Amino acid sequence: MPECHTIPCLLSPWSEWSDCSVTCGKGMRTRQRMLKSAAELGDCNEELEQAEKCMLPECPIDCELTEWSQWSECNTSCGKGHMIRTRMIKIEPQFGGAACPETVQRTKCRVRKCLRGAGMEKRRWKEAR
């Protein structure tokens, strides 16, 4: 019997690699080729698609804060004063992420009027009597 020769399948060249599947960080990219003609007297076991990992610059991470605390007590017992509230940074901004807004707020407060010289007024009243 004459010897049989197989004719391999014919494939197109590989396409260019696709863009990375993400816009930042770790992703995947692929490339393909096509079967031009099937093999004669055999199977075509060549791969038609390839995939590989790709890495782009890290994704921006925005600042993240806790909720505001309760307002503090007024810092004076009478007259005008101020109260503050705070919040903490949970995640610092990275790779160009949004900066942290303020973490301390201050507001005015007013407690009852202060009695000035109350002792003096009592003396004057006694003297007038």
C-alpha atoms as a PDB file:
ATOM      1  CA  MET A   1       0.000   0.000   0.000  1.00  0.00           C
ATOM      2  CA  PRO A   2       1.282   3.439  -0.761  1.00  0.00           C
ATOM      3  CA  GLU A   3       2.082   5.613   2.263  1.00  0.00           C
ATOM      4  CA  CYS A   4      -0.622   8.162   3.203  1.00  0.00           C
ATOM      5  CA  HIS A   5       0.464  11.725   3.833  1.00  0.00           C
ATOM      6  CA  THR A   6      -1.710  14.046   5.878  1.00  0.00           C
ATOM      7  CA  ILE A   7      -2.143  17.589   4.747  1.00  0.00           C
ATOM      8  CA  PRO A   8      -2.268  19.889   7.800  1.00  0.00           C
ATOM      9  CA  CYS A   9      -5.000  22.437   8.294  1.00  0.00           C
ATOM     10  CA  LEU A  10      -4.308  25.946   7.079  1.00  0.00           C
ATOM     11  CA  LEU A  11      -4.670  28.818   9.529  1.00  0.00           C
ATOM     12  CA  SER A  12      -4.712  32.576   9.152  1.00  0.00           C
ATOM     13  CA  PRO A  13      -2.042  34.612  10.957  1.00  0.00           C
ATOM     14  CA  TRP A  14      -2.787  35.647  14.549  1.00  0.00           C
ATOM     15  CA  SER A  15      -4.766  38.885  14.909  1.00  0.00           C
ATOM     16  CA  GLU A  16      -3.373  41.762  16.942  1.00  0.00           C
ATOM     17  CA  TRP A  17      -3.882  41.489  20.678  1.00  0.00           C
ATOM     18  CA  SER A  18      -7.156  43.058  21.830  1.00  0.00           C
ATOM     19  CA  ASP A  19      -7.185  45.981  24.233  1.00  0.00           C
ATOM     20  CA  CYS A  20      -6.915  45.066  27.880  1.00  0.00           C
ATOM     21  CA  SER A  21     -10.346  44.175  29.322  1.00  0.00           C
ATOM     22  CA  VAL A  22     -10.035  46.881  31.999  1.00  0.00           C
ATOM     23  CA  THR A  23      -9.110  50.554  31.943  1.00  0.00           C
ATOM     24  CA  CYS A  24      -6.897  50.254  35.025  1.00  0.00           C
ATOM     25  CA  GLY A  25      -5.443  47.450  37.109  1.00  0.00           C
ATOM     26  CA  LYS A  26      -5.317  43.748  36.131  1.00  0.00           C
ATOM     27  CA  GLY A  27      -7.236  42.381  33.150  1.00  0.00           C
ATOM     28  CA  MET A  28      -7.054  40.031  30.157  1.00  0.00           C
ATOM     29  CA  ARG A  29      -6.465  40.439  26.436  1.00  0.00           C
ATOM     30  CA  THR A  30      -7.010  37.997  23.576  1.00  0.00           C
ATOM     31  CA  ARG A  31      -6.070  37.304  19.975  1.00  0.00           C
ATOM     32  CA  GLN A  32      -7.573  34.950  17.388  1.00  0.00           C
ATOM     33  CA  ARG A  33      -6.836  33.228  14.125  1.00  0.00           C
ATOM     34  CA  MET A  34      -9.138  31.497  11.697  1.00  0.00           C
ATOM     35  CA  LEU A  35      -9.185  28.091  10.120  1.00  0.00           C
ATOM     36  CA  LYS A  36      -8.668  28.561   6.384  1.00  0.00           C
ATOM     37  CA  SER A  37      -9.030  24.898   5.454  1.00  0.00           C
ATOM     38  CA  ALA A  38      -9.465  21.702   7.416  1.00  0.00           C
ATOM     39  CA  ALA A  39      -6.808  19.008   7.532  1.00  0.00           C
ATOM     40  CA  GLU A  40      -7.106  16.125   5.138  1.00  0.00           C
ATOM     41  CA  LEU A  41      -6.868  12.690   6.699  1.00  0.00           C
ATOM     42  CA  GLY A  42      -6.605  14.008  10.238  1.00  0.00           C
ATOM     43  CA  ASP A  43      -7.845  16.527  12.777  1.00  0.00           C
ATOM     44  CA  CYS A  44      -6.865  20.149  13.207  1.00  0.00           C
ATOM     45  CA  ASN A  45      -5.858  20.510  16.856  1.00  0.00           C
ATOM     46  CA  GLU A  46      -4.379  23.975  16.598  1.00  0.00           C
ATOM     47  CA  GLU A  47      -5.717  26.595  18.999  1.00  0.00           C
ATOM     48  CA  LEU A  48      -7.744  29.382  17.456  1.00  0.00           C
ATOM     49  CA  GLU A  49      -7.733  31.795  20.404  1.00  0.00           C
ATOM     50  CA  GLN A  50      -5.157  32.800  22.989  1.00  0.00           C
ATOM     51  CA  ALA A  51      -5.588  34.846  26.158  1.00  0.00           C
ATOM     52  CA  GLU A  52      -3.067  36.453  28.458  1.00  0.00           C
ATOM     53  CA  LYS A  53      -3.065  38.720  31.495  1.00  0.00           C
ATOM     54  CA  CYS A  54      -2.471  42.444  31.068  1.00  0.00           C
ATOM     55  CA  MET A  55      -1.692  45.121  33.638  1.00  0.00           C
ATOM     56  CA  LEU A  56      -2.454  48.811  33.350  1.00  0.00           C
ATOM     57  CA  PRO A  57      -1.619  51.510  35.910  1.00  0.00           C
ATOM     58  CA  GLU A  58      -3.372  51.065  39.245  1.00  0.00           C
ATOM     59  CA  CYS A  59      -6.944  52.316  39.494  1.00  0.00           C
ATOM     60  CA  PRO A  60      -7.479  55.569  41.445  1.00  0.00           C
ATOM     61  CA  ILE A  61      -8.729  55.047  44.994  1.00  0.00           C
ATOM     62  CA  ASP A  62     -10.817  57.901  46.404  1.00  0.00           C
ATOM     63  CA  CYS A  63     -10.626  59.033  50.003  1.00  0.00           C
ATOM     64  CA  GLU A  64     -13.181  57.345  52.241  1.00  0.00           C
ATOM     65  CA  LEU A  65     -14.373  58.806  55.560  1.00  0.00           C
ATOM     66  CA  THR A  66     -16.416  57.686  58.547  1.00  0.00           C
ATOM     67  CA  GLU A  67     -19.718  59.380  59.357  1.00  0.00           C
ATOM     68  CA  TRP A  68     -19.631  62.648  61.317  1.00  0.00           C
ATOM     69  CA  SER A  69     -19.485  62.358  65.101  1.00  0.00           C
ATOM     70  CA  GLN A  70     -22.133  64.042  67.248  1.00  0.00           C
ATOM     71  CA  TRP A  71     -21.593  67.755  67.915  1.00  0.00           C
ATOM     72  CA  SER A  72     -19.564  68.393  71.056  1.00  0.00           C
ATOM     73  CA  GLU A  73     -20.920  70.358  73.992  1.00  0.00           C
ATOM     74  CA  CYS A  74     -20.558  74.132  73.719  1.00  0.00           C
ATOM     75  CA  ASN A  75     -17.074  75.050  74.980  1.00  0.00           C
ATOM     76  CA  THR A  76     -18.441  77.755  77.313  1.00  0.00           C
ATOM     77  CA  SER A  77     -20.941  77.591  80.139  1.00  0.00           C
ATOM     78  CA  CYS A  78     -22.444  80.969  79.285  1.00  0.00           C
ATOM     79  CA  GLY A  79     -22.283  83.434  76.401  1.00  0.00           C
ATOM     80  CA  LYS A  80     -20.922  82.748  72.929  1.00  0.00           C
ATOM     81  CA  GLY A  81     -18.791  79.698  72.194  1.00  0.00           C
ATOM     82  CA  HIS A  82     -18.330  76.943  69.656  1.00  0.00           C
ATOM     83  CA  MET A  83     -18.975  73.227  69.140  1.00  0.00           C
ATOM     84  CA  ILE A  84     -17.048  70.821  66.922  1.00  0.00           C
ATOM     85  CA  ARG A  85     -17.657  67.497  65.230  1.00  0.00           C
ATOM     86  CA  THR A  86     -15.154  65.211  63.522  1.00  0.00           C
ATOM     87  CA  ARG A  87     -14.849  62.272  61.188  1.00  0.00           C
ATOM     88  CA  MET A  88     -11.956  59.908  60.532  1.00  0.00           C
ATOM     89  CA  ILE A  89     -10.216  58.868  57.317  1.00  0.00           C
ATOM     90  CA  LYS A  90     -10.921  55.175  56.586  1.00  0.00           C
ATOM     91  CA  ILE A  91      -9.028  55.032  53.254  1.00  0.00           C
ATOM     92  CA  GLU A  92      -6.356  57.504  52.138  1.00  0.00           C
ATOM     93  CA  PRO A  93      -6.566  58.531  48.454  1.00  0.00           C
ATOM     94  CA  GLN A  94      -4.149  56.701  46.159  1.00  0.00           C
ATOM     95  CA  PHE A  95      -3.094  56.720  42.503  1.00  0.00           C
ATOM     96  CA  GLY A  96      -4.782  60.062  41.770  1.00  0.00           C
ATOM     97  CA  GLY A  97      -8.028  59.343  43.639  1.00  0.00           C
ATOM     98  CA  ALA A  98     -10.202  62.132  45.071  1.00  0.00           C
ATOM     99  CA  ALA A  99      -8.669  63.997  48.004  1.00  0.00           C
ATOM    100  CA  CYS A 100     -10.203  63.928  51.472  1.00  0.00           C
ATOM    101  CA  PRO A 101     -12.633  66.721  52.347  1.00  0.00           C
ATOM    102  CA  GLU A 102     -12.572  68.400  55.765  1.00  0.00           C
ATOM    103  CA  THR A 103     -12.511  66.162  58.816  1.00  0.00           C
ATOM    104  CA  VAL A 104     -13.365  68.815  61.451  1.00  0.00           C
ATOM    105  CA  GLN A 105     -16.315  71.210  61.453  1.00  0.00           C
ATOM    106  CA  ARG A 106     -16.881  74.054  63.872  1.00  0.00           C
ATOM    107  CA  THR A 107     -20.096  75.966  64.519  1.00  0.00           C
ATOM    108  CA  LYS A 108     -21.089  78.774  66.869  1.00  0.00           C
ATOM    109  CA  CYS A 109     -23.198  78.193  69.954  1.00  0.00           C
ATOM    110  CA  ARG A 110     -24.712  80.470  72.531  1.00  0.00           C
ATOM    111  CA  VAL A 111     -25.587  79.422  76.016  1.00  0.00           C
ATOM    112  CA  ARG A 112     -27.569  81.604  78.454  1.00  0.00           C
ATOM    113  CA  LYS A 113     -26.294  85.135  79.006  1.00  0.00           C
ATOM    114  CA  CYS A 114     -23.418  85.478  81.394  1.00  0.00           C
ATOM    115  CA  LEU A 115     -24.214  87.463  84.570  1.00  0.00           C
ATOM    116  CA  ARG A 116     -21.554  90.151  84.803  1.00  0.00           C
ATOM    117  CA  GLY A 117     -20.724  91.695  88.114  1.00  0.00           C
ATOM    118  CA  ALA A 118     -23.738  90.183  89.868  1.00  0.00           C
ATOM    119  CA  GLY A 119     -22.066  90.751  93.223  1.00  0.00           C
ATOM    120  CA  MET A 120     -21.577  94.447  92.395  1.00  0.00           C
ATOM    121  CA  GLU A 121     -25.259  94.920  91.549  1.00  0.00           C
ATOM    122  CA  LYS A 122     -26.301  93.345  94.881  1.00  0.00           C
ATOM    123  CA  ARG A 123     -23.993  95.721  96.797  1.00  0.00           C
ATOM    124  CA  ARG A 124     -25.384  98.763  94.992  1.00  0.00           C
ATOM    125  CA  TRP A 125     -28.934  97.617  95.698  1.00  0.00           C
ATOM    126  CA  LYS A 126     -28.116  97.160  99.419  1.00  0.00           C
ATOM    127  CA  GLU A 127     -26.453 100.565  99.550  1.00  0.00           C
ATOM    128  CA  ALA A 128     -29.461 102.200  97.884  1.00  0.00           C
ATOM    129  CA  ARG A 129     -31.760 100.689 100.535  1.00  0.00           C
END
